[in-house]
Each structure stands twice: as structure tokens, then as C-alpha cells.
């Protein structure tokens, strides 16, 4: 009688599922703030994983109103329209250490850094004529300390929730148009620079796919 091949799996034994090593997720909290935040997580060991996130946001608004202006013959009405367009992009690398469970599922503590740039344009028109506008550029550097839990709902779908504290340093550079020339081209004024620190709580609620 022939003997079983060396290393062959016994009949009736079930194949062990391949360990999950990658998670792709989208943050639901950021969607409420009109920001798309995607993240990829890669498992290095059963206790350690690394992440890389990217955030994109774009918003535009325009409002108009009738403004009464006093003149020599009484009040006249002028149509004033104001618009604001803002766009930002950021990258956020990070790492997680799993206190309980085996990566990518379980209780973890993590640190996530971030760097982002943005630009905002404010413009105004009065009776269709362009008025001085304002352009603001920003650069943000920061980080979050988080404690969270990753739960595998089914084979593939994963829910991640976390809370923590964050800090961010932002610099702003603002320039304005001083006047509109005869060729309808704006004249830029000298830029002004400001900066600020922000500290506060941060939350994360994401749904992802693990494979």
C-alpha cells in the first residue's frame, strides 16, 4: 500500500484561512465634514501594523444679496455676490501596537502624524464688476495619539473606532488684490503671514475591507 505523500493534508481536514495582512478603509466622520479620508493599513507582525492615509477636500459656495446704498438722489440698490472656494490635501503616516488581539483585529494604541497644504480664494462682485479678492494658502503639521478597536464583522468587512488627542501647527499666508487695473487684471498686495496651534480631542470611525 502506498504511503501518503510527505506534507499532504489529511482527508477531511479543513484548510486554514490565510491571515489578513491588509486593510483599506474610509473614515465616516470625515465625510460629515465634506472630506474624503482613505487609509491603507499593512500588518508587520501579530502586534504591529503601519498605516498611510490621504485626505482630500474641496468646497465652493457663492451667495448674493441686494445692498441699499445712499446716493445723491436717494437710495439705490446694488447686487453684491461673494464666493469662496477652498481645497486641501494631506498625508498621514502612522503605526499601531495591538494591546489585545492579533493585528489587524483587536484593541490598539497608535500614533499618526500628518502634513497638509490648502488654498482658499475669496472673491466679490458688485453689479458684475470684480472687487478686491483674497487668497489664503496654508501649511499644517500635526499628529494624533489614539486608542481604538478594530472589529472584523465578517470575513472581509472591518469596523474601526478610535478616540484620542491631537495637536496641529498651521501657518497662513494671505494676499489681497488692491485694485483692478484697466486691463481687468488684479494687482497683488504684499502677503501677510500668521500661525496658530490647535489642541483637542479627535475621533475616528471607519469601515474597511481586510484581505
Protein backbone atom coordinates (compact mmCIF):
# COMPACT_ATOMS: atom_id res chain seq x y z
CA UNK A 1 0.00 0.00 0.00
CA UNK A 2 1.34 3.44 -0.95
CA UNK A 3 2.08 5.77 1.96
CA UNK A 4 0.70 9.33 1.97
CA UNK A 5 2.93 11.96 0.40
CA UNK A 6 5.09 13.80 2.89
CA UNK A 7 3.34 17.03 3.96
CA UNK A 8 -0.01 16.10 2.38
CA UNK A 9 -3.10 17.32 4.22
CA UNK A 10 -5.18 14.52 5.83
CA UNK A 11 -8.52 13.82 4.20
CA UNK A 12 -11.40 15.68 5.84
CA UNK A 13 -9.19 18.40 7.34
CA UNK A 14 -10.27 21.98 6.61
CA UNK A 15 -7.82 24.40 5.04
CA UNK A 16 -6.78 27.20 7.42
CA UNK A 17 -7.80 30.68 6.18
CA UNK A 18 -4.93 32.90 5.09
CA UNK A 19 -4.07 35.53 7.76
CA UNK A 20 -5.34 39.03 6.99
CA UNK A 21 -2.47 41.37 6.16
CA UNK A 22 -4.00 44.49 4.53
CA UNK A 23 -6.94 46.78 5.36
CA UNK A 24 -8.33 49.54 3.12
CA UNK A 25 -10.80 51.87 4.85
CA UNK A 26 -12.75 55.12 4.55
CA UNK A 27 -13.43 57.41 7.52
CA UNK A 28 -17.14 58.15 8.06
CA UNK A 29 -16.51 61.07 10.46
CA UNK A 30 -14.53 63.00 7.83
CA UNK A 31 -17.32 62.52 5.26
CA UNK A 32 -19.61 64.54 7.53
CA UNK A 33 -17.09 67.40 7.25
CA UNK A 34 -17.07 67.10 3.41
CA UNK A 35 -13.62 65.47 3.47
CA UNK A 36 -12.70 62.16 1.84
CA UNK A 37 -10.18 60.32 4.04
CA UNK A 38 -8.81 56.99 2.81
CA UNK A 39 -6.34 54.79 4.65
CA UNK A 40 -4.31 51.69 3.96
CA UNK A 41 -3.04 49.50 6.81
CA UNK A 42 -0.36 46.83 6.49
CA UNK A 43 0.31 44.18 9.15
CA UNK A 44 4.01 43.71 10.00
CA UNK A 45 3.70 41.29 12.95
CA UNK A 46 0.83 39.96 15.06
CA UNK A 47 1.24 43.05 17.31
CA UNK A 48 2.31 45.82 14.93
CA UNK A 49 0.89 47.48 11.83
CA UNK A 50 1.65 50.63 9.85
CA UNK A 51 -0.74 52.96 8.04
CA UNK A 52 -0.76 55.63 5.36
CA UNK A 53 -3.77 57.90 4.94
CA UNK A 54 -4.68 60.55 2.37
CA UNK A 55 -7.34 63.24 2.82
CA UNK A 56 -8.94 65.38 0.12
CA UNK A 57 -11.47 68.16 0.46
CA UNK A 58 -12.97 70.68 -1.94
CA UNK A 59 -15.75 73.15 -1.21
CA UNK A 60 -17.27 76.06 -3.08
CA UNK A 61 -20.03 78.49 -2.16
CA UNK A 62 -21.48 81.70 -3.57
CA UNK A 63 -24.10 83.97 -2.08
CA UNK A 64 -25.73 87.11 -3.44
CA UNK A 65 -27.76 89.89 -1.87
CA UNK A 66 -29.19 93.29 -2.65
CA UNK A 67 -27.41 96.10 -0.77
CA UNK A 68 -29.03 99.58 -0.48
CA UNK A 69 -26.52 102.43 -0.98
CA UNK A 70 -27.22 106.09 -0.25
CA UNK A 71 -26.72 108.38 -3.25
CA UNK A 72 -27.37 111.97 -4.21
CA UNK A 73 -30.87 111.15 -5.40
CA UNK A 74 -31.70 108.76 -2.56
CA UNK A 75 -31.03 105.07 -2.08
CA UNK A 76 -30.04 102.81 -4.92
CA UNK A 77 -29.78 99.04 -4.82
CA UNK A 78 -26.59 97.24 -5.77
CA UNK A 79 -26.26 93.49 -6.37
CA UNK A 80 -23.30 92.07 -4.39
CA UNK A 81 -22.10 88.48 -4.90
CA UNK A 82 -19.45 86.82 -2.77
CA UNK A 83 -17.83 83.43 -3.35
CA UNK A 84 -15.40 81.21 -1.51
CA UNK A 85 -13.52 78.19 -2.91
CA UNK A 86 -11.30 76.02 -0.69
CA UNK A 87 -9.24 72.91 -1.39
CA UNK A 88 -6.91 70.87 0.84
CA UNK A 89 -4.84 67.68 0.59
CA UNK A 90 -2.89 65.88 3.32
CA UNK A 91 -0.91 62.71 4.02
CA UNK A 92 -0.86 60.93 7.40
CA UNK A 93 1.54 58.04 8.12
CA UNK A 94 1.15 56.14 11.39
CA UNK A 95 1.69 52.97 13.39
CA UNK A 96 -0.43 50.85 15.77
CA UNK A 97 0.57 48.47 18.55
CA UNK A 98 -2.07 45.87 19.40
CA UNK A 99 -2.57 45.58 23.17
CA UNK A 100 -5.10 42.77 22.84
CA UNK A 101 -5.82 40.52 19.91
CA UNK A 102 -3.79 39.94 16.79
CA UNK A 103 -3.29 42.58 14.09
CA UNK A 104 -5.31 43.80 12.30
CA UNK A 105 -8.11 42.96 14.80
CA UNK A 106 -8.23 43.95 18.46
CA UNK A 107 -7.50 46.76 20.91
CA UNK A 108 -4.64 49.02 19.88
CA UNK A 109 -2.77 52.22 20.72
CA UNK A 110 -1.35 54.27 17.89
CA UNK A 111 0.38 57.42 16.75
CA UNK A 112 -0.50 59.17 13.50
CA UNK A 113 1.39 62.12 12.01
CA UNK A 114 0.08 64.46 9.33
CA UNK A 115 1.13 67.11 6.82
CA UNK A 116 -1.24 69.04 4.60
CA UNK A 117 -1.49 72.02 2.26
CA UNK A 118 -4.51 74.08 1.25
CA UNK A 119 -5.62 77.12 -0.68
CA UNK A 120 -8.68 79.34 -0.35
CA UNK A 121 -9.96 82.04 -2.71
CA UNK A 122 -12.50 84.68 -1.67
CA UNK A 123 -13.88 86.90 -4.42
CA UNK A 124 -16.58 89.55 -4.61
CA UNK A 125 -18.52 91.26 -7.38
CA UNK A 126 -20.70 94.35 -7.26
CA UNK A 127 -23.19 94.68 -10.13
CA UNK A 128 -21.00 92.28 -12.09
CA UNK A 129 -17.81 94.28 -11.54
CA UNK A 130 -14.93 92.46 -9.79
CA UNK A 131 -13.85 93.85 -6.42
CA UNK A 132 -10.66 93.15 -4.42
CA UNK A 133 -10.31 89.44 -3.64
CA UNK A 134 -8.32 87.48 -1.06
CA UNK A 135 -6.15 84.35 -1.47
CA UNK A 136 -5.07 82.30 1.56
CA UNK A 137 -2.51 79.48 1.45
CA UNK A 138 -1.91 77.20 4.43
CA UNK A 139 0.51 74.53 5.62
CA UNK A 140 -0.41 72.23 8.51
CA UNK A 141 1.79 69.83 10.51
CA UNK A 142 0.40 67.74 13.35
CA UNK A 143 -0.20 64.42 14.99
CA UNK A 144 -2.76 62.33 16.90
CA UNK A 145 -2.35 59.89 19.79
CA UNK A 146 -5.16 57.32 19.55
CA UNK A 147 -6.66 54.34 21.33
CA UNK A 148 -9.02 52.23 19.27
CA UNK A 149 -10.55 48.89 18.44
CA UNK A 150 -10.73 47.12 15.09
CA UNK A 151 -13.54 44.58 14.78
CA UNK A 152 -13.84 42.04 11.97
CA UNK A 153 -17.57 41.92 11.20
CA UNK A 154 -17.36 39.15 8.60
CA UNK A 155 -14.56 37.67 6.57
CA UNK A 156 -13.51 40.88 4.88
CA UNK A 157 -15.54 43.74 6.39
CA UNK A 158 -13.90 45.55 9.31
CA UNK A 159 -15.16 48.32 11.61
CA UNK A 160 -12.60 50.63 13.25
CA UNK A 161 -13.33 53.12 16.03
CA UNK A 162 -10.86 55.29 17.95
CA UNK A 163 -10.61 58.32 20.23
CA UNK A 164 -7.62 60.40 21.22
CA UNK A 165 -5.92 63.77 21.42
CA UNK A 166 -4.44 65.76 18.56
CA UNK A 167 -2.20 68.78 18.01
CA UNK A 168 -1.63 70.81 14.85
CA UNK A 169 0.51 73.78 13.84
CA UNK A 170 -0.78 75.82 10.89
CA UNK A 171 0.81 78.71 9.03
CA UNK A 172 -1.28 81.03 6.84
CA UNK A 173 -0.13 83.31 4.05
CA UNK A 174 -2.75 85.76 2.85
CA UNK A 175 -2.58 88.16 -0.09
CA UNK A 176 -5.23 90.53 -1.41
CA UNK A 177 -5.85 92.42 -4.63
CA UNK A 178 -5.51 96.12 -4.05
CA UNK A 179 -7.21 97.29 -7.22
CA UNK A 180 -8.45 96.19 -10.60
CA UNK A 181 -6.47 97.67 -13.46
CA UNK A 182 -7.81 98.91 -16.81
CA UNK A 183 -6.99 95.54 -18.38
CA UNK A 184 -9.17 93.85 -15.71
CA UNK A 185 -6.10 92.24 -14.09
CA UNK A 186 -5.79 92.31 -10.27
CA UNK A 187 -2.80 93.91 -8.57
CA UNK A 188 -1.43 91.79 -5.72
CA UNK A 189 -0.70 93.41 -2.39
CA UNK A 190 2.10 92.29 -0.04
CA UNK A 191 1.37 88.95 1.70
CA UNK A 192 0.74 88.70 5.43
CA UNK A 193 1.69 85.63 7.49
CA UNK A 194 0.11 84.27 10.65
CA UNK A 195 0.28 80.98 12.54
CA UNK A 196 -1.57 79.15 15.28
CA UNK A 197 -1.57 76.00 17.41
CA UNK A 198 -4.65 73.81 17.83
CA UNK A 199 -5.15 71.14 20.51
CA UNK A 200 -8.22 68.99 21.08
CA UNK A 201 -9.94 65.62 21.02
CA UNK A 202 -10.11 63.57 17.85
CA UNK A 203 -12.34 60.67 16.79
CA UNK A 204 -12.26 58.04 14.06
CA UNK A 205 -14.99 55.76 12.76
CA UNK A 206 -14.11 53.85 9.63
CA UNK A 207 -15.40 50.96 7.57
CA UNK A 208 -12.87 48.92 5.66
CA UNK A 209 -12.12 45.78 3.72
CA UNK A 210 -9.49 43.37 5.08
CA UNK A 211 -7.72 40.81 2.92
